[in-house]
C-alpha atoms as a PDB file:
ATOM      1  CA  MET A   1     175.862  88.095  93.445  1.00  0.00           C
ATOM      2  CA  SER A   2     174.386  88.377  96.297  1.00  0.00           C
ATOM      3  CA  ARG A   3     173.518  91.492  98.378  1.00  0.00           C
ATOM      4  CA  THR A   4     173.276  91.927 102.362  1.00  0.00           C
ATOM      5  CA  PRO A   5     173.999  94.997 104.543  1.00  0.00           C
ATOM      6  CA  GLN A   6     177.426  94.015 105.051  1.00  0.00           C
ATOM      7  CA  GLY A   7     178.637  94.312 100.956  1.00  0.00           C
ATOM      8  CA  GLN A   8     178.706  91.831  98.342  1.00  0.00           C
ATOM      9  CA  ARG A   9     180.162  88.854  97.209  1.00  0.00           C
ATOM     10  CA  ALA A  10     180.791  86.619  93.530  1.00  0.00           C
ATOM     11  CA  SER A  11     179.051  83.712  92.449  1.00  0.00           C
ATOM     12  CA  LEU A  12     181.411  80.837  91.574  1.00  0.00           C
ATOM     13  CA  ASP A  13     179.940  81.476  87.447  1.00  0.00           C
ATOM     14  CA  LYS A  14     182.677  84.466  88.583  1.00  0.00           C
ATOM     15  CA  GLN A  15     181.623  87.277  86.530  1.00  0.00           C
ATOM     16  CA  PRO A  16     184.210  89.865  86.018  1.00  0.00           C
ATOM     17  CA  HIS A  17     181.759  92.858  87.185  1.00  0.00           C
ATOM     18  CA  GLU A  18     180.903  90.586  90.140  1.00  0.00           C
ATOM     19  CA  VAL A  19     183.993  89.701  91.526  1.00  0.00           C
ATOM     20  CA  ALA A  20     185.366  93.209  90.942  1.00  0.00           C
ATOM     21  CA  ALA A  21     182.990  94.881  93.115  1.00  0.00           C
ATOM     22  CA  MET A  22     183.045  92.455  95.771  1.00  0.00           C
ATOM     23  CA  PHE A  23     186.923  93.138  95.685  1.00  0.00           C
ATOM     24  CA  ASP A  24     185.895  97.113  95.872  1.00  0.00           C
ATOM     25  CA  GLY A  25     184.138  95.875  98.825  1.00  0.00           C
ATOM     26  CA  VAL A  26     186.977  94.737 100.857  1.00  0.00           C
ATOM     27  CA  ALA A  27     190.101  96.609  99.458  1.00  0.00           C
ATOM     28  CA  ALA A  28     189.867  99.072 102.721  1.00  0.00           C
ATOM     29  CA  ARG A  29     190.937  96.300 105.110  1.00  0.00           C
ATOM     30  CA  TYR A  30     191.877  93.425 102.274  1.00  0.00           C
ATOM     31  CA  ASP A  31     195.896  93.190 103.607  1.00  0.00           C
ATOM     32  CA  LEU A  32     195.050  93.315 106.981  1.00  0.00           C
ATOM     33  CA  THR A  33     192.110  90.636 107.058  1.00  0.00           C
ATOM     34  CA  ASN A  34     194.458  87.914 104.933  1.00  0.00           C
ATOM     35  CA  THR A  35     197.105  88.614 107.336  1.00  0.00           C
ATOM     36  CA  VAL A  36     194.761  87.465 110.092  1.00  0.00           C
ATOM     37  CA  LEU A  37     192.617  84.696 108.772  1.00  0.00           C
ATOM     38  CA  SER A  38     196.295  82.849 107.208  1.00  0.00           C
ATOM     39  CA  PHE A  39     197.626  83.213 110.711  1.00  0.00           C
ATOM     40  CA  GLY A  40     200.824  85.438 109.156  1.00  0.00           C
ATOM     41  CA  GLN A  41     201.568  83.045 106.631  1.00  0.00           C
ATOM     42  CA  ASP A  42     200.713  85.819 103.818  1.00  0.00           C
ATOM     43  CA  ARG A  43     203.932  87.138 103.976  1.00  0.00           C
ATOM     44  CA  PHE A  44     205.707  83.445 103.919  1.00  0.00           C
ATOM     45  CA  TRP A  45     203.892  82.691 100.841  1.00  0.00           C
ATOM     46  CA  ARG A  46     204.766  85.936  99.285  1.00  0.00           C
ATOM     47  CA  ARG A  47     208.585  85.278  99.841  1.00  0.00           C
ATOM     48  CA  ALA A  48     208.014  81.915  98.254  1.00  0.00           C
ATOM     49  CA  THR A  49     206.448  83.261  95.480  1.00  0.00           C
ATOM     50  CA  ARG A  50     209.424  85.603  94.595  1.00  0.00           C
ATOM     51  CA  ALA A  51     211.916  82.893  95.217  1.00  0.00           C
ATOM     52  CA  ALA A  52     210.223  80.260  92.925  1.00  0.00           C
ATOM     53  CA  LEU A  53     210.367  83.012  90.092  1.00  0.00           C
ATOM     54  CA  GLY A  54     213.947  83.437  90.123  1.00  0.00           C
ATOM     55  CA  LEU A  55     214.060  86.933  88.824  1.00  0.00           C
ATOM     56  CA  ARG A  56     217.119  89.075  88.179  1.00  0.00           C
ATOM     57  CA  PRO A  57     218.307  92.593  88.558  1.00  0.00           C
ATOM     58  CA  GLY A  58     216.899  94.430  85.044  1.00  0.00           C
ATOM     59  CA  GLU A  59     214.331  91.690  84.522  1.00  0.00           C
ATOM     60  CA  ARG A  60     210.301  92.941  83.790  1.00  0.00           C
ATOM     61  CA  VAL A  61     207.991  90.749  86.054  1.00  0.00           C
ATOM     62  CA  LEU A  62     203.921  90.949  85.960  1.00  0.00           C
ATOM     63  CA  ASP A  63     201.817  90.638  88.843  1.00  0.00           C
ATOM     64  CA  VAL A  64     198.375  89.814  87.125  1.00  0.00           C
ATOM     65  CA  GLY A  65     195.333  89.873  90.090  1.00  0.00           C
ATOM     66  CA  ALA A  66     198.218  92.585  92.247  1.00  0.00           C
ATOM     67  CA  GLY A  67     195.525  94.322  94.502  1.00  0.00           C
ATOM     68  CA  THR A  68     196.778  96.267  96.811  1.00  0.00           C
ATOM     69  CA  GLY A  69     200.468  95.799  95.784  1.00  0.00           C
ATOM     70  CA  VAL A  70     201.408  93.744  98.271  1.00  0.00           C
ATOM     71  CA  SER A  71     202.600  91.109  95.846  1.00  0.00           C
ATOM     72  CA  THR A  72     204.050  93.299  93.551  1.00  0.00           C
ATOM     73  CA  GLU A  73     206.223  95.262  96.090  1.00  0.00           C
ATOM     74  CA  GLU A  74     207.480  92.061  97.440  1.00  0.00           C
ATOM     75  CA  LEU A  75     208.749  91.010  93.865  1.00  0.00           C
ATOM     76  CA  ALA A  76     210.427  94.467  93.586  1.00  0.00           C
ATOM     77  CA  HIS A  77     212.925  93.031  96.445  1.00  0.00           C
ATOM     78  CA  SER A  78     214.762  90.898  94.036  1.00  0.00           C
ATOM     79  CA  GLY A  79     215.511  93.878  91.984  1.00  0.00           C
ATOM     80  CA  ALA A  80     213.703  93.113  89.291  1.00  0.00           C
ATOM     81  CA  TYR A  81     211.166  95.869  87.470  1.00  0.00           C
ATOM     82  CA  ALA A  82     207.701  94.542  88.910  1.00  0.00           C
ATOM     83  CA  VAL A  83     204.230  95.623  87.662  1.00  0.00           C
ATOM     84  CA  GLY A  84     201.126  94.850  89.224  1.00  0.00           C
ATOM     85  CA  ALA A  85     197.574  94.713  87.334  1.00  0.00           C
ATOM     86  CA  ASP A  86     194.382  94.506  88.858  1.00  0.00           C
ATOM     87  CA  LEU A  87     190.434  94.200  87.842  1.00  0.00           C
ATOM     88  CA  SER A  88     189.594  96.100  90.968  1.00  0.00           C
ATOM     89  CA  LEU A  89     189.559  99.899  91.215  1.00  0.00           C
ATOM     90  CA  GLY A  90     189.283  99.648  94.731  1.00  0.00           C
ATOM     91  CA  MET A  91     191.661  97.582  95.357  1.00  0.00           C
ATOM     92  CA  LEU A  92     194.199  99.491  93.046  1.00  0.00           C
ATOM     93  CA  HIS A  93     193.166 102.999  94.922  1.00  0.00           C
ATOM     94  CA  ALA A  94     194.123 101.393  98.002  1.00  0.00           C
ATOM     95  CA  GLY A  95     197.222 100.715  96.906  1.00  0.00           C
ATOM     96  CA  LYS A  96     198.391 103.798  95.283  1.00  0.00           C
ATOM     97  CA  ARG A  97     197.527 105.482  99.032  1.00  0.00           C
ATOM     98  CA  THR A  98     199.672 102.700 100.600  1.00  0.00           C
ATOM     99  CA  ARG A  99     202.265 102.089  98.148  1.00  0.00           C
ATOM    100  CA  PRO A 100     202.929 104.924  96.094  1.00  0.00           C
ATOM    101  CA  GLY A 101     206.047 104.036  94.387  1.00  0.00           C
ATOM    102  CA  VAL A 102     204.628 100.519  93.443  1.00  0.00           C
ATOM    103  CA  PRO A 103     203.440 100.587  89.367  1.00  0.00           C
ATOM    104  CA  LEU A 104     199.919  99.296  89.526  1.00  0.00           C
ATOM    105  CA  LEU A 105     197.322 100.026  86.447  1.00  0.00           C
ATOM    106  CA  ALA A 106     193.901  98.526  85.660  1.00  0.00           C
ATOM    107  CA  GLY A 107     193.850  95.068  84.041  1.00  0.00           C
ATOM    108  CA  ASP A 108     192.032  92.464  83.466  1.00  0.00           C
ATOM    109  CA  ALA A 109     193.922  88.422  82.962  1.00  0.00           C
ATOM    110  CA  LEU A 110     191.893  87.795  80.114  1.00  0.00           C
ATOM    111  CA  ARG A 111     192.996  90.807  77.803  1.00  0.00           C
ATOM    112  CA  LEU A 112     195.844  92.199  79.579  1.00  0.00           C
ATOM    113  CA  PRO A 113     197.200  95.334  78.037  1.00  0.00           C
ATOM    114  CA  PHE A 114     200.626  94.585  76.779  1.00  0.00           C
ATOM    115  CA  ALA A 115     202.375  93.671  73.545  1.00  0.00           C
ATOM    116  CA  ASP A 116     203.262  89.489  72.887  1.00  0.00           C
ATOM    117  CA  ALA A 117     206.401  88.780  74.916  1.00  0.00           C
ATOM    118  CA  SER A 118     206.679  92.206  77.193  1.00  0.00           C
ATOM    119  CA  PHE A 119     207.767  90.401  80.190  1.00  0.00           C
ATOM    120  CA  ASP A 120     211.007  87.940  81.305  1.00  0.00           C
ATOM    121  CA  ALA A 121     208.488  86.542  84.300  1.00  0.00           C
ATOM    122  CA  VAL A 122     205.067  86.304  85.096  1.00  0.00           C
ATOM    123  CA  THR A 123     203.254  85.647  88.207  1.00  0.00           C
ATOM    124  CA  ILE A 124     199.702  85.745  89.800  1.00  0.00           C
ATOM    125  CA  SER A 125     198.786  84.879  93.583  1.00  0.00           C
ATOM    126  CA  PHE A 126     195.129  84.022  94.873  1.00  0.00           C
ATOM    127  CA  ALA A 127     193.590  85.520  91.781  1.00  0.00           C
ATOM    128  CA  LEU A 128     193.677  82.551  88.909  1.00  0.00           C
ATOM    129  CA  ARG A 129     190.468  80.891  90.870  1.00  0.00           C
ATOM    130  CA  ASN A 130     188.578  84.475  90.392  1.00  0.00           C
ATOM    131  CA  VAL A 131     188.877  84.300  86.593  1.00  0.00           C
ATOM    132  CA  ASN A 132     185.850  82.710  84.722  1.00  0.00           C
ATOM    133  CA  ASP A 133     188.167  81.101  82.052  1.00  0.00           C
ATOM    134  CA  THR A 134     191.022  79.859  83.853  1.00  0.00           C
ATOM    135  CA  ASP A 135     192.903  78.292  80.687  1.00  0.00           C
ATOM    136  CA  ALA A 136     192.225  81.532  78.496  1.00  0.00           C
ATOM    137  CA  ALA A 137     194.043  83.496  81.746  1.00  0.00           C
ATOM    138  CA  LEU A 138     196.717  80.729  81.369  1.00  0.00           C
ATOM    139  CA  ARG A 139     197.216  81.331  77.284  1.00  0.00           C
ATOM    140  CA  GLU A 140     197.245  85.101  78.152  1.00  0.00           C
ATOM    141  CA  LEU A 141     200.501  85.076  80.459  1.00  0.00           C
ATOM    142  CA  ALA A 142     202.275  83.110  78.012  1.00  0.00           C
ATOM    143  CA  ARG A 143     201.043  85.513  74.970  1.00  0.00           C
ATOM    144  CA  VAL A 144     203.064  88.386  77.082  1.00  0.00           C
ATOM    145  CA  THR A 145     206.034  86.141  78.485  1.00  0.00           C
ATOM    146  CA  ARG A 146     209.132  85.730  76.517  1.00  0.00           C
ATOM    147  CA  PRO A 147     209.748  82.526  74.851  1.00  0.00           C
ATOM    148  CA  GLY A 148     211.858  80.595  77.882  1.00  0.00           C
ATOM    149  CA  GLY A 149     210.333  82.688  80.389  1.00  0.00           C
ATOM    150  CA  ARG A 150     208.717  81.615  84.311  1.00  0.00           C
ATOM    151  CA  LEU A 151     205.110  81.763  85.215  1.00  0.00           C
ATOM    152  CA  VAL A 152     204.789  81.080  89.026  1.00  0.00           C
ATOM    153  CA  VAL A 153     200.844  80.760  90.103  1.00  0.00           C
ATOM    154  CA  CYS A 154     199.988  80.718  94.034  1.00  0.00           C
ATOM    155  CA  GLU A 155     196.798  79.340  94.752  1.00  0.00           C
ATOM    156  CA  PHE A 156     194.801  77.460  97.518  1.00  0.00           C
ATOM    157  CA  SER A 157     195.020  74.140  96.805  1.00  0.00           C
ATOM    158  CA  THR A 158     194.439  70.606  98.366  1.00  0.00           C
ATOM    159  CA  PRO A 159     196.373  69.934 101.922  1.00  0.00           C
ATOM    160  CA  VAL A 160     197.896  66.782 101.028  1.00  0.00           C
ATOM    161  CA  ASN A 161     197.491  65.105 104.681  1.00  0.00           C
ATOM    162  CA  PRO A 162     193.707  63.953 104.944  1.00  0.00           C
ATOM    163  CA  ALA A 163     193.697  64.277 108.747  1.00  0.00           C
ATOM    164  CA  PHE A 164     194.491  67.953 108.058  1.00  0.00           C
ATOM    165  CA  ARG A 165     192.493  68.121 104.987  1.00  0.00           C
ATOM    166  CA  THR A 166     189.217  67.532 107.544  1.00  0.00           C
ATOM    167  CA  VAL A 167     190.161  70.415 109.891  1.00  0.00           C
ATOM    168  CA  TYR A 168     191.576  73.235 107.339  1.00  0.00           C
ATOM    169  CA  LEU A 169     187.618  72.340 105.119  1.00  0.00           C
ATOM    170  CA  SER A 170     185.851  72.776 108.763  1.00  0.00           C
ATOM    171  CA  TYR A 171     188.248  75.909 109.230  1.00  0.00           C
ATOM    172  CA  LEU A 172     187.078  77.278 105.577  1.00  0.00           C
ATOM    173  CA  MET A 173     183.432  77.009 105.755  1.00  0.00           C
ATOM    174  CA  ARG A 174     183.210  77.923 109.244  1.00  0.00           C
ATOM    175  CA  SER A 175     185.752  79.846 111.116  1.00  0.00           C
ATOM    176  CA  LEU A 176     187.026  81.860 108.369  1.00  0.00           C
ATOM    177  CA  PRO A 177     183.533  83.608 107.722  1.00  0.00           C
ATOM    178  CA  ALA A 178     182.994  83.815 111.406  1.00  0.00           C
ATOM    179  CA  VAL A 179     186.811  85.584 111.845  1.00  0.00           C
ATOM    180  CA  ALA A 180     185.632  87.721 108.670  1.00  0.00           C
ATOM    181  CA  ARG A 181     183.244  89.228 110.395  1.00  0.00           C
ATOM    182  CA  THR A 182     185.348  90.362 112.810  1.00  0.00           C
ATOM    183  CA  VAL A 183     187.912  91.929 110.744  1.00  0.00           C
ATOM    184  CA  SER A 184     186.968  92.642 107.012  1.00  0.00           C
ATOM    185  CA  SER A 185     185.387  95.717 105.767  1.00  0.00           C
ATOM    186  CA  ASN A 186     182.829  92.941 103.641  1.00  0.00           C
ATOM    187  CA  PRO A 187     183.148  89.668 105.499  1.00  0.00           C
ATOM    188  CA  ASP A 188     180.178  88.441 103.007  1.00  0.00           C
ATOM    189  CA  ALA A 189     183.120  88.017 100.241  1.00  0.00           C
ATOM    190  CA  TYR A 190     184.678  85.881 102.360  1.00  0.00           C
ATOM    191  CA  VAL A 191     181.909  83.139 101.866  1.00  0.00           C
ATOM    192  CA  TYR A 192     182.893  83.006  98.099  1.00  0.00           C
ATOM    193  CA  LEU A 193     186.303  82.741  99.128  1.00  0.00           C
ATOM    194  CA  ALA A 194     185.586  79.733 101.321  1.00  0.00           C
ATOM    195  CA  GLU A 195     183.690  78.175  98.840  1.00  0.00           C
ATOM    196  CA  SER A 196     185.537  79.279  95.576  1.00  0.00           C
ATOM    197  CA  ILE A 197     188.790  77.182  97.247  1.00  0.00           C
ATOM    198  CA  ARG A 198     186.831  74.165  97.530  1.00  0.00           C
ATOM    199  CA  ALA A 199     185.994  73.989  93.818  1.00  0.00           C
ATOM    200  CA  TRP A 200     189.287  75.094  92.865  1.00  0.00           C
ATOM    201  CA  PRO A 201     191.116  71.844  91.033  1.00  0.00           C
ATOM    202  CA  ASP A 202     193.994  70.224  93.095  1.00  0.00           C
ATOM    203  CA  GLN A 203     197.474  70.353  92.188  1.00  0.00           C
ATOM    204  CA  ALA A 204     198.049  67.717  89.649  1.00  0.00           C
ATOM    205  CA  ALA A 205     194.726  68.573  87.882  1.00  0.00           C
ATOM    206  CA  LEU A 206     195.906  72.821  87.843  1.00  0.00           C
ATOM    207  CA  ALA A 207     199.257  71.478  86.472  1.00  0.00           C
ATOM    208  CA  ALA A 208     197.493  69.497  83.407  1.00  0.00           C
ATOM    209  CA  ARG A 209     196.034  72.706  82.675  1.00  0.00           C
ATOM    210  CA  ILE A 210     198.568  74.625  82.979  1.00  0.00           C
ATOM    211  CA  GLY A 211     200.835  72.274  80.416  1.00  0.00           C
ATOM    212  CA  THR A 212     198.228  72.673  77.837  1.00  0.00           C
ATOM    213  CA  ALA A 213     198.005  76.613  77.884  1.00  0.00           C
ATOM    214  CA  GLY A 214     201.831  77.072  76.147  1.00  0.00           C
ATOM    215  CA  TRP A 215     203.685  76.298  79.270  1.00  0.00           C
ATOM    216  CA  GLY A 216     206.159  73.863  79.573  1.00  0.00           C
ATOM    217  CA  ARG A 217     208.234  71.930  82.292  1.00  0.00           C
ATOM    218  CA  VAL A 218     205.705  72.781  84.888  1.00  0.00           C
ATOM    219  CA  ALA A 219     205.958  71.197  88.707  1.00  0.00           C
ATOM    220  CA  TRP A 220     204.665  72.293  91.546  1.00  0.00           C
ATOM    221  CA  ARG A 221     205.623  72.678  95.189  1.00  0.00           C
ATOM    222  CA  ASN A 222     203.350  72.611  98.519  1.00  0.00           C
ATOM    223  CA  LEU A 223     203.014  75.094 100.949  1.00  0.00           C
ATOM    224  CA  THR A 224     201.852  74.894 104.147  1.00  0.00           C
ATOM    225  CA  GLY A 225     200.983  71.257 103.899  1.00  0.00           C
ATOM    226  CA  GLY A 226     199.373  71.942 100.720  1.00  0.00           C
ATOM    227  CA  VAL A 227     196.781  74.875 101.973  1.00  0.00           C
ATOM    228  CA  VAL A 228     198.960  76.998  99.454  1.00  0.00           C
ATOM    229  CA  ALA A 229     200.925  75.796  96.183  1.00  0.00           C
ATOM    230  CA  LEU A 230     203.149  77.206  93.773  1.00  0.00           C
ATOM    231  CA  HIS A 231     203.137  75.855  90.500  1.00  0.00           C
ATOM    232  CA  ARG A 232     205.812  76.901  88.020  1.00  0.00           C
ATOM    233  CA  ALA A 233     206.744  76.639  84.368  1.00  0.00           C
ATOM    234  CA  ILE A 234     208.116  77.682  81.453  1.00  0.00           C
ATOM    235  CA  ARG A 235     206.896  79.375  78.415  1.00  0.00           C
ATOM    236  CA  ASP A 236     207.367  77.331  75.974  1.00  0.00           C
END
C-alpha cells in the first residue's frame, strides 16, 4: 500500500486491511466527494438501486459496503428494514454521526455476520470491486438471502459508446484525481478508485460471474451511458 503525506490507498490485490485503512482515510468527506466527482449522479444511482430491488414494506434488506449509510438510508425509504454493513470502522463512525437512526454494523463481505437466508434482498454498491475475491463475495451474498430473494449490484462499468468511453477513461485517469485533491480528505485513494474501475469486468463478464455464484435470471441495466450498471438477479 502506498503511503504519502496526504494519506494512503489500497493496491489492486485488494487486501482487506488496506481497503479498510484507505476508506478510513476518506470517511470524513466521502459523501461530499462522491457527489462532486459524479456531478450529482450518485443520488440518481442510489434511487435506481432502490427501485431495482423492488422492496416492499416489512421486508429485510442488507446493504453491503454501506460506508456511511447514505445508501442504506435510501433503501429504507421503501418501507423495508434496511441494515448496512461495512469493513471500514472509520466509515461506520462517520455514518453513525450523520445518520444515527440507520442500523450500521461492521462486516466483511466474505464473512457476513448473519445466518443463512436472513434477508429478502441484498445489495452492494460500488464495493464489490474492492473485495479481493469477487466470486466468494457473490456466494456469501447468496448465502444470507432467502431462496427467491433478490440481488442488485450497483457498480462502475464500461460505457457503451466508444467516443464517450474514451472521454470517460481520460476523466478517470487525469481529471478525477485532480478534482479529488480539492475536496477529498485523502485524494490518493481516488487514484486507486480510477485504477480499480479500469480493471473491473464489463457488464457481460460480471453477469456471467453472478450467474455461477448461486444466482439466476441475471440481467443488467446501464445507467449514465454505462458508467454505472445495475445487475439484478434472483436467489436460486
